[in-house]
Amino acid sequence: MKENMESINVKEQENPSLETILETERSYAPLVDIYETNEDYILIANLPGVKREDVKLKFEEGALIIFGKIDYKESLNKEYLLNETQIGNFYRKFNISDSIDESKIEAKHENGQLLVKLPKHERVKPKTINIK
């Protein structure tokens, strides 16, 4: 059953930077759902096996960056009988339009999912116009 397993070379480092991790460890794009309400865009990213303290969410230069770090040692040291999931960190970058009020972005992590609330600027929210 182990013939399909691949060894992953991981450098041992104390608190490596995000850039170092992306260069030295395998990463995958998490599965994401995005939907819209009148007030917000909601992004839900699936990050199985990632603890809340190992999730990084950054907004820089008009992009939202999601990073989730798994515990490689724990994942690779298991005696798998069947291994259908990919072993690696999660990384995804989204370009965000200027219709988002980045100062009000909120996020929470529950049950292996990262939920990001991206509030719309007032200027792009639907408005009802009263007819006189």
N, C-alpha and C. Protein backbone atom coordinates (compact mmCIF):
# COMPACT_ATOMS: atom_id res chain seq x y z
N MET A 1 0.80 -1.21 0.00
CA MET A 1 0.00 0.00 0.00
C MET A 1 0.85 1.28 0.00
N LYS A 2 2.10 1.18 0.40
CA LYS A 2 2.93 2.36 0.53
C LYS A 2 3.63 2.75 -0.77
N GLU A 3 3.48 1.97 -1.83
CA GLU A 3 4.24 2.23 -3.05
C GLU A 3 3.93 3.57 -3.69
N ASN A 4 2.76 4.17 -3.42
CA ASN A 4 2.41 5.46 -4.00
C ASN A 4 2.86 6.64 -3.15
N MET A 5 3.43 6.36 -2.00
CA MET A 5 3.85 7.45 -1.13
C MET A 5 5.14 8.08 -1.67
N GLU A 6 5.22 9.37 -1.54
CA GLU A 6 6.38 10.13 -1.97
C GLU A 6 7.05 10.71 -0.75
N SER A 7 8.37 10.71 -0.70
CA SER A 7 9.01 11.39 0.42
C SER A 7 9.13 12.87 0.08
N ILE A 8 8.96 13.67 1.09
CA ILE A 8 9.00 15.12 0.90
C ILE A 8 10.17 15.66 1.71
N ASN A 9 11.06 16.36 1.04
CA ASN A 9 12.23 16.90 1.70
C ASN A 9 11.84 18.20 2.40
N VAL A 10 11.97 18.21 3.70
CA VAL A 10 11.62 19.39 4.49
C VAL A 10 12.84 19.81 5.29
N LYS A 11 13.24 21.05 5.13
CA LYS A 11 14.38 21.55 5.89
C LYS A 11 13.96 21.83 7.32
N GLU A 12 14.81 21.47 8.25
CA GLU A 12 14.55 21.75 9.67
C GLU A 12 15.01 23.17 9.97
N GLN A 13 14.06 24.05 10.29
CA GLN A 13 14.40 25.43 10.58
C GLN A 13 13.52 25.93 11.72
N GLU A 14 14.06 26.82 12.53
CA GLU A 14 13.29 27.48 13.57
C GLU A 14 12.54 28.64 12.95
N ASN A 15 11.23 28.65 13.04
CA ASN A 15 10.39 29.75 12.57
C ASN A 15 10.76 30.26 11.18
N PRO A 16 10.69 29.41 10.17
CA PRO A 16 11.03 29.88 8.82
C PRO A 16 10.00 30.90 8.33
N SER A 17 10.42 31.77 7.42
CA SER A 17 9.52 32.77 6.85
C SER A 17 8.57 32.08 5.88
N LEU A 18 7.48 32.77 5.56
CA LEU A 18 6.51 32.25 4.59
C LEU A 18 7.20 31.97 3.27
N GLU A 19 8.07 32.86 2.83
CA GLU A 19 8.77 32.68 1.57
C GLU A 19 9.66 31.43 1.60
N THR A 20 10.35 31.20 2.73
CA THR A 20 11.20 30.02 2.86
C THR A 20 10.37 28.75 2.81
N ILE A 21 9.24 28.76 3.50
CA ILE A 21 8.38 27.58 3.52
C ILE A 21 7.88 27.28 2.11
N LEU A 22 7.47 28.31 1.37
CA LEU A 22 6.97 28.10 0.02
C LEU A 22 8.06 27.58 -0.92
N GLU A 23 9.32 27.93 -0.64
CA GLU A 23 10.42 27.46 -1.47
C GLU A 23 10.87 26.04 -1.11
N THR A 24 10.71 25.64 0.14
CA THR A 24 11.28 24.38 0.60
C THR A 24 10.27 23.28 0.86
N GLU A 25 8.99 23.61 0.96
CA GLU A 25 7.97 22.61 1.26
C GLU A 25 6.89 22.64 0.19
N ARG A 26 6.26 21.52 0.00
CA ARG A 26 5.19 21.41 -0.98
C ARG A 26 3.95 22.16 -0.46
N SER A 27 3.26 22.83 -1.38
CA SER A 27 2.02 23.50 -1.00
C SER A 27 0.97 23.28 -2.08
N TYR A 28 -0.27 23.33 -1.66
CA TYR A 28 -1.41 23.12 -2.55
C TYR A 28 -2.40 24.25 -2.37
N ALA A 29 -3.17 24.52 -3.41
CA ALA A 29 -4.23 25.53 -3.32
C ALA A 29 -5.41 24.90 -2.58
N PRO A 30 -5.86 25.54 -1.50
CA PRO A 30 -7.02 24.98 -0.80
C PRO A 30 -8.28 25.13 -1.64
N LEU A 31 -9.22 24.23 -1.43
CA LEU A 31 -10.52 24.37 -2.08
C LEU A 31 -11.25 25.54 -1.43
N VAL A 32 -11.85 26.39 -2.26
CA VAL A 32 -12.45 27.64 -1.77
C VAL A 32 -13.84 27.82 -2.37
N ASP A 33 -14.75 28.32 -1.54
CA ASP A 33 -16.07 28.78 -2.00
C ASP A 33 -16.14 30.27 -1.72
N ILE A 34 -16.70 31.03 -2.66
CA ILE A 34 -16.90 32.47 -2.47
C ILE A 34 -18.34 32.78 -2.85
N TYR A 35 -19.01 33.50 -1.97
CA TYR A 35 -20.36 33.94 -2.31
C TYR A 35 -20.56 35.38 -1.88
N GLU A 36 -21.64 35.97 -2.36
CA GLU A 36 -21.89 37.39 -2.15
C GLU A 36 -23.21 37.60 -1.43
N THR A 37 -23.21 38.56 -0.50
CA THR A 37 -24.44 39.06 0.10
C THR A 37 -24.54 40.54 -0.27
N ASN A 38 -25.59 41.20 0.17
CA ASN A 38 -25.71 42.64 -0.10
C ASN A 38 -24.58 43.44 0.55
N GLU A 39 -24.09 42.96 1.68
CA GLU A 39 -23.10 43.70 2.45
C GLU A 39 -21.65 43.25 2.23
N ASP A 40 -21.45 41.96 1.92
CA ASP A 40 -20.11 41.38 1.95
C ASP A 40 -19.91 40.36 0.84
N TYR A 41 -18.63 40.03 0.64
CA TYR A 41 -18.23 38.82 -0.06
C TYR A 41 -17.74 37.88 1.04
N ILE A 42 -18.08 36.62 0.95
CA ILE A 42 -17.65 35.65 1.95
C ILE A 42 -16.80 34.60 1.25
N LEU A 43 -15.61 34.35 1.79
CA LEU A 43 -14.69 33.37 1.26
C LEU A 43 -14.52 32.28 2.31
N ILE A 44 -14.71 31.02 1.91
CA ILE A 44 -14.51 29.89 2.80
C ILE A 44 -13.44 29.00 2.19
N ALA A 45 -12.32 28.84 2.90
CA ALA A 45 -11.21 28.01 2.42
C ALA A 45 -11.10 26.77 3.29
N ASN A 46 -11.03 25.61 2.68
CA ASN A 46 -10.89 24.36 3.41
C ASN A 46 -9.41 24.10 3.67
N LEU A 47 -9.07 24.00 4.95
CA LEU A 47 -7.68 23.78 5.37
C LEU A 47 -7.61 22.59 6.32
N PRO A 48 -7.88 21.38 5.84
CA PRO A 48 -7.89 20.22 6.74
C PRO A 48 -6.52 19.97 7.36
N GLY A 49 -6.53 19.70 8.65
CA GLY A 49 -5.29 19.39 9.36
C GLY A 49 -4.48 20.59 9.79
N VAL A 50 -4.98 21.79 9.55
CA VAL A 50 -4.24 23.01 9.91
C VAL A 50 -4.86 23.61 11.17
N LYS A 51 -4.03 23.81 12.18
CA LYS A 51 -4.49 24.43 13.43
C LYS A 51 -4.63 25.94 13.23
N ARG A 52 -5.50 26.54 14.04
CA ARG A 52 -5.75 27.98 13.91
C ARG A 52 -4.45 28.79 14.01
N GLU A 53 -3.56 28.41 14.91
CA GLU A 53 -2.31 29.16 15.08
C GLU A 53 -1.36 29.00 13.90
N ASP A 54 -1.64 28.05 13.02
CA ASP A 54 -0.80 27.83 11.85
C ASP A 54 -1.40 28.38 10.56
N VAL A 55 -2.45 29.20 10.69
CA VAL A 55 -3.07 29.86 9.55
C VAL A 55 -2.58 31.30 9.51
N LYS A 56 -2.14 31.74 8.35
CA LYS A 56 -1.73 33.14 8.16
C LYS A 56 -2.62 33.73 7.08
N LEU A 57 -3.12 34.92 7.33
CA LEU A 57 -3.95 35.63 6.38
C LEU A 57 -3.37 37.03 6.26
N LYS A 58 -2.99 37.40 5.04
CA LYS A 58 -2.37 38.71 4.82
C LYS A 58 -3.11 39.44 3.71
N PHE A 59 -3.18 40.75 3.85
CA PHE A 59 -3.69 41.60 2.77
C PHE A 59 -2.57 42.57 2.44
N GLU A 60 -2.04 42.46 1.23
CA GLU A 60 -0.98 43.37 0.83
C GLU A 60 -1.03 43.60 -0.67
N GLU A 61 -0.77 44.83 -1.05
CA GLU A 61 -0.72 45.23 -2.46
C GLU A 61 -1.93 44.73 -3.26
N GLY A 62 -3.12 44.88 -2.65
CA GLY A 62 -4.35 44.53 -3.34
C GLY A 62 -4.62 43.04 -3.45
N ALA A 63 -3.91 42.23 -2.67
CA ALA A 63 -4.10 40.78 -2.73
C ALA A 63 -4.34 40.21 -1.33
N LEU A 64 -5.22 39.22 -1.26
CA LEU A 64 -5.47 38.48 -0.04
C LEU A 64 -4.70 37.17 -0.15
N ILE A 65 -3.82 36.89 0.81
CA ILE A 65 -2.98 35.70 0.79
C ILE A 65 -3.37 34.81 1.95
N ILE A 66 -3.66 33.55 1.63
CA ILE A 66 -4.01 32.55 2.63
C ILE A 66 -2.88 31.53 2.68
N PHE A 67 -2.41 31.22 3.89
CA PHE A 67 -1.38 30.22 4.07
C PHE A 67 -1.73 29.37 5.29
N GLY A 68 -1.70 28.07 5.12
CA GLY A 68 -1.92 27.14 6.23
C GLY A 68 -0.80 26.13 6.28
N LYS A 69 -0.15 26.02 7.44
CA LYS A 69 1.00 25.12 7.61
C LYS A 69 0.57 23.86 8.35
N ILE A 70 0.88 22.71 7.74
CA ILE A 70 0.59 21.44 8.40
C ILE A 70 1.81 21.01 9.20
N ASP A 71 1.64 19.99 10.01
CA ASP A 71 2.74 19.39 10.75
C ASP A 71 3.29 18.24 9.90
N TYR A 72 4.37 18.51 9.15
CA TYR A 72 4.92 17.51 8.25
C TYR A 72 5.37 16.25 8.99
N LYS A 73 6.05 16.42 10.10
CA LYS A 73 6.56 15.25 10.82
C LYS A 73 5.42 14.32 11.18
N GLU A 74 4.36 14.87 11.71
CA GLU A 74 3.21 14.06 12.10
C GLU A 74 2.59 13.38 10.88
N SER A 75 2.43 14.12 9.80
CA SER A 75 1.80 13.57 8.59
C SER A 75 2.64 12.47 7.94
N LEU A 76 3.93 12.67 7.87
CA LEU A 76 4.80 11.71 7.18
C LEU A 76 5.15 10.49 8.02
N ASN A 77 5.01 10.60 9.33
CA ASN A 77 5.38 9.48 10.20
C ASN A 77 4.22 8.52 10.47
N LYS A 78 3.09 8.73 9.84
CA LYS A 78 1.96 7.82 10.01
C LYS A 78 2.17 6.59 9.15
N GLU A 79 1.68 5.46 9.62
CA GLU A 79 1.72 4.22 8.85
C GLU A 79 0.43 4.13 8.04
N TYR A 80 0.40 4.77 6.88
CA TYR A 80 -0.80 4.83 6.06
C TYR A 80 -1.13 3.46 5.49
N LEU A 81 -2.39 3.08 5.57
CA LEU A 81 -2.90 1.91 4.85
C LEU A 81 -3.47 2.36 3.52
N LEU A 82 -4.00 3.59 3.51
CA LEU A 82 -4.52 4.21 2.30
C LEU A 82 -4.29 5.70 2.46
N ASN A 83 -3.68 6.35 1.47
CA ASN A 83 -3.40 7.78 1.55
C ASN A 83 -3.87 8.43 0.26
N GLU A 84 -5.08 8.98 0.28
CA GLU A 84 -5.64 9.61 -0.92
C GLU A 84 -5.53 11.12 -0.88
N THR A 85 -5.16 11.69 0.24
CA THR A 85 -5.05 13.14 0.32
C THR A 85 -3.62 13.57 0.06
N GLN A 86 -3.49 14.78 -0.45
CA GLN A 86 -2.17 15.33 -0.71
C GLN A 86 -1.59 15.85 0.60
N ILE A 87 -0.31 15.61 0.80
CA ILE A 87 0.35 16.09 2.01
C ILE A 87 1.14 17.33 1.66
N GLY A 88 0.74 18.44 2.24
CA GLY A 88 1.43 19.69 1.98
C GLY A 88 0.73 20.85 2.65
N ASN A 89 1.41 21.96 2.65
CA ASN A 89 0.83 23.19 3.18
C ASN A 89 -0.19 23.72 2.18
N PHE A 90 -0.94 24.72 2.61
CA PHE A 90 -1.93 25.34 1.74
C PHE A 90 -1.53 26.79 1.47
N TYR A 91 -1.62 27.19 0.21
CA TYR A 91 -1.28 28.56 -0.16
C TYR A 91 -2.18 28.98 -1.32
N ARG A 92 -2.74 30.16 -1.19
CA ARG A 92 -3.54 30.71 -2.28
C ARG A 92 -3.55 32.23 -2.18
N LYS A 93 -3.52 32.87 -3.34
CA LYS A 93 -3.49 34.34 -3.41
C LYS A 93 -4.63 34.80 -4.31
N PHE A 94 -5.41 35.76 -3.80
CA PHE A 94 -6.54 36.31 -4.55
C PHE A 94 -6.32 37.80 -4.75
N ASN A 95 -6.48 38.27 -5.98
CA ASN A 95 -6.48 39.70 -6.22
C ASN A 95 -7.84 40.24 -5.80
N ILE A 96 -7.82 41.30 -5.02
CA ILE A 96 -9.05 41.86 -4.45
C ILE A 96 -9.32 43.20 -5.12
N SER A 97 -10.57 43.40 -5.52
CA SER A 97 -10.91 44.65 -6.19
C SER A 97 -11.00 45.78 -5.17
N ASP A 98 -11.03 47.00 -5.66
CA ASP A 98 -11.13 48.15 -4.76
C ASP A 98 -12.54 48.35 -4.23
N SER A 99 -13.46 47.43 -4.53
CA SER A 99 -14.81 47.50 -3.97
C SER A 99 -14.85 46.94 -2.55
N ILE A 100 -13.74 46.35 -2.09
CA ILE A 100 -13.63 45.79 -0.74
C ILE A 100 -13.05 46.83 0.20
N ASP A 101 -13.65 46.96 1.38
CA ASP A 101 -13.11 47.84 2.42
C ASP A 101 -12.12 47.02 3.24
N GLU A 102 -10.85 47.04 2.85
CA GLU A 102 -9.84 46.19 3.48
C GLU A 102 -9.63 46.48 4.96
N SER A 103 -10.01 47.65 5.43
CA SER A 103 -9.84 47.97 6.85
C SER A 103 -10.85 47.22 7.72
N LYS A 104 -11.86 46.61 7.11
CA LYS A 104 -12.90 45.91 7.87
C LYS A 104 -12.93 44.40 7.61
N ILE A 105 -11.89 43.85 7.00
CA ILE A 105 -11.85 42.41 6.73
C ILE A 105 -11.78 41.67 8.07
N GLU A 106 -12.60 40.61 8.18
CA GLU A 106 -12.62 39.78 9.39
C GLU A 106 -12.42 38.33 8.98
N ALA A 107 -11.85 37.53 9.90
CA ALA A 107 -11.64 36.12 9.60
C ALA A 107 -11.79 35.30 10.88
N LYS A 108 -12.25 34.06 10.69
CA LYS A 108 -12.28 33.10 11.79
C LYS A 108 -11.98 31.72 11.24
N HIS A 109 -11.48 30.86 12.11
CA HIS A 109 -11.09 29.50 11.73
C HIS A 109 -11.83 28.53 12.63
N GLU A 110 -12.63 27.65 12.01
CA GLU A 110 -13.38 26.65 12.75
C GLU A 110 -13.45 25.37 11.95
N ASN A 111 -13.26 24.24 12.63
CA ASN A 111 -13.46 22.92 12.03
C ASN A 111 -12.74 22.75 10.69
N GLY A 112 -11.51 23.23 10.61
CA GLY A 112 -10.72 23.06 9.39
C GLY A 112 -11.08 24.00 8.26
N GLN A 113 -11.90 25.01 8.55
CA GLN A 113 -12.27 25.98 7.52
C GLN A 113 -11.91 27.39 7.98
N LEU A 114 -11.39 28.17 7.04
CA LEU A 114 -11.13 29.59 7.27
C LEU A 114 -12.26 30.36 6.60
N LEU A 115 -12.97 31.16 7.37
CA LEU A 115 -14.06 31.97 6.84
C LEU A 115 -13.60 33.42 6.87
N VAL A 116 -13.56 34.07 5.70
CA VAL A 116 -13.10 35.45 5.58
C VAL A 116 -14.27 36.29 5.09
N LYS A 117 -14.58 37.33 5.86
CA LYS A 117 -15.65 38.27 5.50
C LYS A 117 -14.99 39.50 4.89
N LEU A 118 -15.33 39.77 3.63
CA LEU A 118 -14.75 40.89 2.88
C LEU A 118 -15.85 41.93 2.66
N PRO A 119 -15.94 42.92 3.56
CA PRO A 119 -17.02 43.91 3.46
C PRO A 119 -16.90 44.79 2.22
N LYS A 120 -18.05 45.07 1.62
CA LYS A 120 -18.08 45.95 0.46
C LYS A 120 -18.03 47.40 0.93
N HIS A 121 -17.40 48.25 0.11
CA HIS A 121 -17.44 49.68 0.36
C HIS A 121 -18.89 50.14 0.18
N GLU A 122 -19.25 51.18 0.89
CA GLU A 122 -20.61 51.72 0.80
C GLU A 122 -20.99 52.08 -0.64
N ARG A 123 -20.01 52.55 -1.40
CA ARG A 123 -20.29 53.01 -2.76
C ARG A 123 -20.73 51.90 -3.71
N VAL A 124 -20.45 50.63 -3.37
CA VAL A 124 -20.82 49.54 -4.25
C VAL A 124 -22.00 48.71 -3.74
N LYS A 125 -22.48 49.02 -2.55
CA LYS A 125 -23.62 48.29 -2.00
C LYS A 125 -24.89 48.70 -2.73
N PRO A 126 -25.81 47.74 -2.92
CA PRO A 126 -27.08 48.10 -3.57
C PRO A 126 -27.85 49.12 -2.73
N LYS A 127 -28.47 50.04 -3.42
CA LYS A 127 -29.25 51.06 -2.72
C LYS A 127 -30.64 51.10 -3.33
N THR A 128 -31.62 51.29 -2.47
CA THR A 128 -32.99 51.45 -2.92
C THR A 128 -33.25 52.95 -3.08
N ILE A 129 -33.81 53.32 -4.19
CA ILE A 129 -34.11 54.73 -4.45
C ILE A 129 -35.60 54.93 -4.32
N ASN A 130 -35.96 55.84 -3.44
CA ASN A 130 -37.38 56.16 -3.24
C ASN A 130 -37.88 57.00 -4.40
N ILE A 131 -39.04 56.64 -4.90
CA ILE A 131 -39.67 57.37 -6.00
C ILE A 131 -40.73 58.28 -5.42
N LYS A 132 -40.69 59.54 -5.77
CA LYS A 132 -41.65 60.52 -5.24
C LYS A 132 -42.77 60.78 -6.21
